[in-house]
């Protein structure tokens, strides 16, 4: 791809005013983009969140940094606690689960960290993304032929089953180049979104 096309796509995501020479600013932008993605289902419930957007995003950055930029499913659980003391946010049939929202936030953050790794890990070795999971949404669940699951209402157990199915699909795939092989389940998102 031509460099001007890449620059255009980067500025479309990061914004033209983002200082890409400052890794911390780019890291913050990645978390904010992921938060925005998570709000596609969470926006109706944001007023019920235990913490504000800024507090949640700051905690995501802090936990990922403390974890040396290594994906862990424990990160999803830790972040889920920031949304609510209860697993279910909402009432009746109109609800989301804190785990469903947190998986989207953490997994999308790692996706953006990977995409913009050249700006973030300038003075460091790029982290190992091979343990990353695939961000789950309606498109990914549909492509993986996972039925009876709504990403924003996932329990931890359903999440694990979805990731297991995606792992199995990737193991049998012949479309993976070397770079995709190094991304764990995150590769499925790049192949299908």
Protein backbone atom coordinates (compact mmCIF):
# COMPACT_ATOMS: atom_id res chain seq x y z
CA UNK A 1 0.00 0.00 0.00
CA UNK A 2 1.28 3.48 -0.83
CA UNK A 3 2.59 5.46 2.13
CA UNK A 4 0.12 8.32 1.54
CA UNK A 5 -2.74 5.82 1.84
CA UNK A 6 -1.35 4.50 5.12
CA UNK A 7 -0.94 8.07 6.43
CA UNK A 8 -4.52 8.85 5.46
CA UNK A 9 -5.85 5.78 7.27
CA UNK A 10 -3.73 6.54 10.34
CA UNK A 11 -4.96 10.12 10.52
CA UNK A 12 -8.55 8.95 9.99
CA UNK A 13 -8.28 6.77 13.10
CA UNK A 14 -5.92 8.80 15.26
CA UNK A 15 -7.02 12.24 14.12
CA UNK A 16 -4.86 14.74 12.28
CA UNK A 17 -3.89 16.57 15.48
CA UNK A 18 -2.56 13.49 17.31
CA UNK A 19 1.17 13.80 17.97
CA UNK A 20 2.41 10.44 16.70
CA UNK A 21 5.88 11.27 18.07
CA UNK A 22 4.51 10.89 21.60
CA UNK A 23 3.93 7.19 22.40
CA UNK A 24 1.80 7.95 25.46
CA UNK A 25 -0.59 10.09 23.43
CA UNK A 26 -0.94 7.34 20.81
CA UNK A 27 -1.48 4.75 23.58
CA UNK A 28 -4.22 6.94 25.08
CA UNK A 29 -5.80 7.34 21.66
CA UNK A 30 -5.84 3.53 21.23
CA UNK A 31 -7.71 3.11 24.52
CA UNK A 32 -10.16 5.88 23.64
CA UNK A 33 -10.84 4.36 20.22
CA UNK A 34 -11.50 0.99 21.88
CA UNK A 35 -13.82 2.64 24.41
CA UNK A 36 -15.75 4.21 21.54
CA UNK A 37 -16.03 0.80 19.86
CA UNK A 38 -17.32 -0.71 23.10
CA UNK A 39 -19.96 2.01 23.34
CA UNK A 40 -21.74 0.69 20.24
CA UNK A 41 -23.69 -1.43 22.72
CA UNK A 42 -22.71 0.21 25.98
CA UNK A 43 -23.80 3.78 25.21
CA UNK A 44 -27.30 3.22 26.57
CA UNK A 45 -25.85 1.98 29.84
CA UNK A 46 -22.91 4.37 30.27
CA UNK A 47 -24.83 6.44 32.82
CA UNK A 48 -25.03 3.29 34.98
CA UNK A 49 -21.28 2.62 34.87
CA UNK A 50 -19.54 2.74 38.21
CA UNK A 51 -16.72 4.91 36.80
CA UNK A 52 -16.49 7.63 34.17
CA UNK A 53 -15.05 7.14 30.70
CA UNK A 54 -11.82 8.89 31.70
CA UNK A 55 -11.43 6.78 34.84
CA UNK A 56 -12.06 3.56 32.93
CA UNK A 57 -9.61 4.52 30.17
CA UNK A 58 -6.94 5.54 32.69
CA UNK A 59 -7.33 2.21 34.47
CA UNK A 60 -7.07 0.30 31.18
CA UNK A 61 -3.78 2.08 30.42
CA UNK A 62 -2.50 1.49 33.94
CA UNK A 63 -3.34 -2.23 33.99
CA UNK A 64 -1.94 -2.86 30.50
CA UNK A 65 1.27 -1.03 31.42
CA UNK A 66 1.57 -2.96 34.69
CA UNK A 67 1.08 -6.15 32.66
CA UNK A 68 3.98 -5.13 30.36
CA UNK A 69 1.64 -4.83 27.38
CA UNK A 70 0.90 -8.55 27.56
CA UNK A 71 -2.67 -9.68 26.94
CA UNK A 72 -4.29 -11.62 29.73
CA UNK A 73 -7.88 -12.66 30.25
CA UNK A 74 -7.44 -11.46 33.80
CA UNK A 75 -7.26 -7.93 32.35
CA UNK A 76 -10.79 -8.40 31.03
CA UNK A 77 -12.03 -9.41 34.47
CA UNK A 78 -10.21 -6.52 36.20
CA UNK A 79 -11.65 -3.96 33.80
CA UNK A 80 -15.13 -5.50 34.02
CA UNK A 81 -15.22 -4.49 37.69
CA UNK A 82 -15.01 -0.82 36.68
CA UNK A 83 -18.35 -0.97 34.88
CA UNK A 84 -20.48 -2.23 37.75
CA UNK A 85 -20.55 -4.20 40.98
CA UNK A 86 -23.11 -6.44 39.28
CA UNK A 87 -22.46 -8.66 36.28
CA UNK A 88 -25.63 -7.42 34.60
CA UNK A 89 -26.06 -3.74 33.77
CA UNK A 90 -29.67 -2.84 32.97
CA UNK A 91 -32.94 -4.60 33.61
CA UNK A 92 -35.25 -7.12 32.02
CA UNK A 93 -34.35 -7.88 28.42
CA UNK A 94 -32.50 -4.55 28.07
CA UNK A 95 -29.12 -5.23 29.57
CA UNK A 96 -25.43 -5.79 28.91
CA UNK A 97 -22.88 -7.72 30.92
CA UNK A 98 -19.82 -6.05 32.32
CA UNK A 99 -17.74 -8.95 30.96
CA UNK A 100 -19.11 -8.47 27.44
CA UNK A 101 -18.24 -4.77 27.50
CA UNK A 102 -14.81 -5.35 29.06
CA UNK A 103 -13.80 -8.00 26.50
CA UNK A 104 -14.58 -5.56 23.69
CA UNK A 105 -12.65 -2.74 25.38
CA UNK A 106 -9.54 -4.80 26.17
CA UNK A 107 -9.45 -6.75 22.90
CA UNK A 108 -9.95 -3.64 20.76
CA UNK A 109 -7.27 -1.83 22.76
CA UNK A 110 -4.81 -4.61 21.94
CA UNK A 111 -5.88 -4.50 18.29
CA UNK A 112 -5.13 -0.77 18.15
CA UNK A 113 -1.87 -1.23 20.08
CA UNK A 114 -0.80 -3.71 17.43
CA UNK A 115 -1.84 -1.48 14.53
CA UNK A 116 -0.01 1.54 15.96
CA UNK A 117 2.87 -0.38 17.57
CA UNK A 118 5.44 1.50 15.45
CA UNK A 119 4.43 4.71 17.26
CA UNK A 120 3.99 3.28 20.75
CA UNK A 121 6.96 0.97 21.22
CA UNK A 122 9.62 3.23 19.73
CA UNK A 123 12.10 2.73 22.57
CA UNK A 124 11.02 -0.78 23.48
CA UNK A 125 10.76 -4.19 21.93
CA UNK A 126 7.31 -4.65 20.42
CA UNK A 127 5.28 -6.86 22.77
CA UNK A 128 4.30 -10.41 21.96
CA UNK A 129 0.73 -10.32 20.65
CA UNK A 130 0.46 -14.11 20.22
CA UNK A 131 -1.75 -14.55 23.30
CA UNK A 132 -4.31 -11.98 22.18
CA UNK A 133 -7.94 -12.89 21.79
CA UNK A 134 -10.25 -11.80 19.01
CA UNK A 135 -12.53 -8.86 19.83
CA UNK A 136 -16.03 -10.31 19.73
CA UNK A 137 -18.84 -8.44 18.02
CA UNK A 138 -21.79 -9.38 15.84
CA UNK A 139 -19.66 -9.52 12.67
CA UNK A 140 -17.06 -11.86 14.18
CA UNK A 141 -19.66 -14.05 15.88
CA UNK A 142 -21.51 -14.35 12.56
CA UNK A 143 -18.36 -15.18 10.55
CA UNK A 144 -17.42 -17.82 13.12
CA UNK A 145 -20.96 -19.23 12.93
CA UNK A 146 -21.47 -18.74 16.66
CA UNK A 147 -25.17 -18.59 17.36
CA UNK A 148 -27.16 -17.62 20.44
CA UNK A 149 -24.46 -15.21 21.64
CA UNK A 150 -24.60 -11.44 21.79
CA UNK A 151 -21.17 -9.92 22.40
CA UNK A 152 -22.44 -7.28 24.83
CA UNK A 153 -24.22 -9.94 26.92
CA UNK A 154 -21.44 -12.53 27.10
CA UNK A 155 -20.55 -14.34 30.27
CA UNK A 156 -16.93 -15.31 30.91
CA UNK A 157 -17.76 -18.94 30.05
CA UNK A 158 -19.44 -18.03 26.74
CA UNK A 159 -16.46 -15.83 25.92
CA UNK A 160 -14.05 -18.73 26.49
CA UNK A 161 -16.14 -21.02 24.27
CA UNK A 162 -16.18 -18.42 21.47
CA UNK A 163 -12.40 -17.94 21.66
CA UNK A 164 -11.92 -21.73 21.63
CA UNK A 165 -13.98 -22.02 18.45
CA UNK A 166 -12.01 -19.18 16.82
CA UNK A 167 -8.74 -20.91 17.77
CA UNK A 168 -9.92 -24.09 16.08
CA UNK A 169 -10.95 -22.20 12.95
CA UNK A 170 -7.54 -20.51 12.77
CA UNK A 171 -5.70 -23.82 13.26
CA UNK A 172 -7.39 -25.22 10.17
CA UNK A 173 -6.94 -22.05 8.10
CA UNK A 174 -4.51 -21.95 5.22
CA UNK A 175 -4.83 -18.15 4.78
CA UNK A 176 -2.42 -17.17 7.53
CA UNK A 177 0.79 -15.45 6.61
CA UNK A 178 3.70 -15.21 9.05
CA UNK A 179 2.50 -11.96 10.59
CA UNK A 180 -1.03 -13.24 11.20
CA UNK A 181 0.31 -16.42 12.80
CA UNK A 182 2.02 -14.26 15.45
CA UNK A 183 -1.25 -12.64 16.52
CA UNK A 184 -3.09 -15.50 18.19
CA UNK A 185 -6.86 -15.19 17.94
CA UNK A 186 -6.51 -11.50 17.07
CA UNK A 187 -5.66 -12.69 13.54
CA UNK A 188 -9.29 -13.74 13.07
CA UNK A 189 -10.39 -10.13 13.43
CA UNK A 190 -8.01 -8.97 10.70
CA UNK A 191 -9.19 -11.75 8.39
CA UNK A 192 -12.89 -11.19 8.89
CA UNK A 193 -13.58 -7.56 9.69
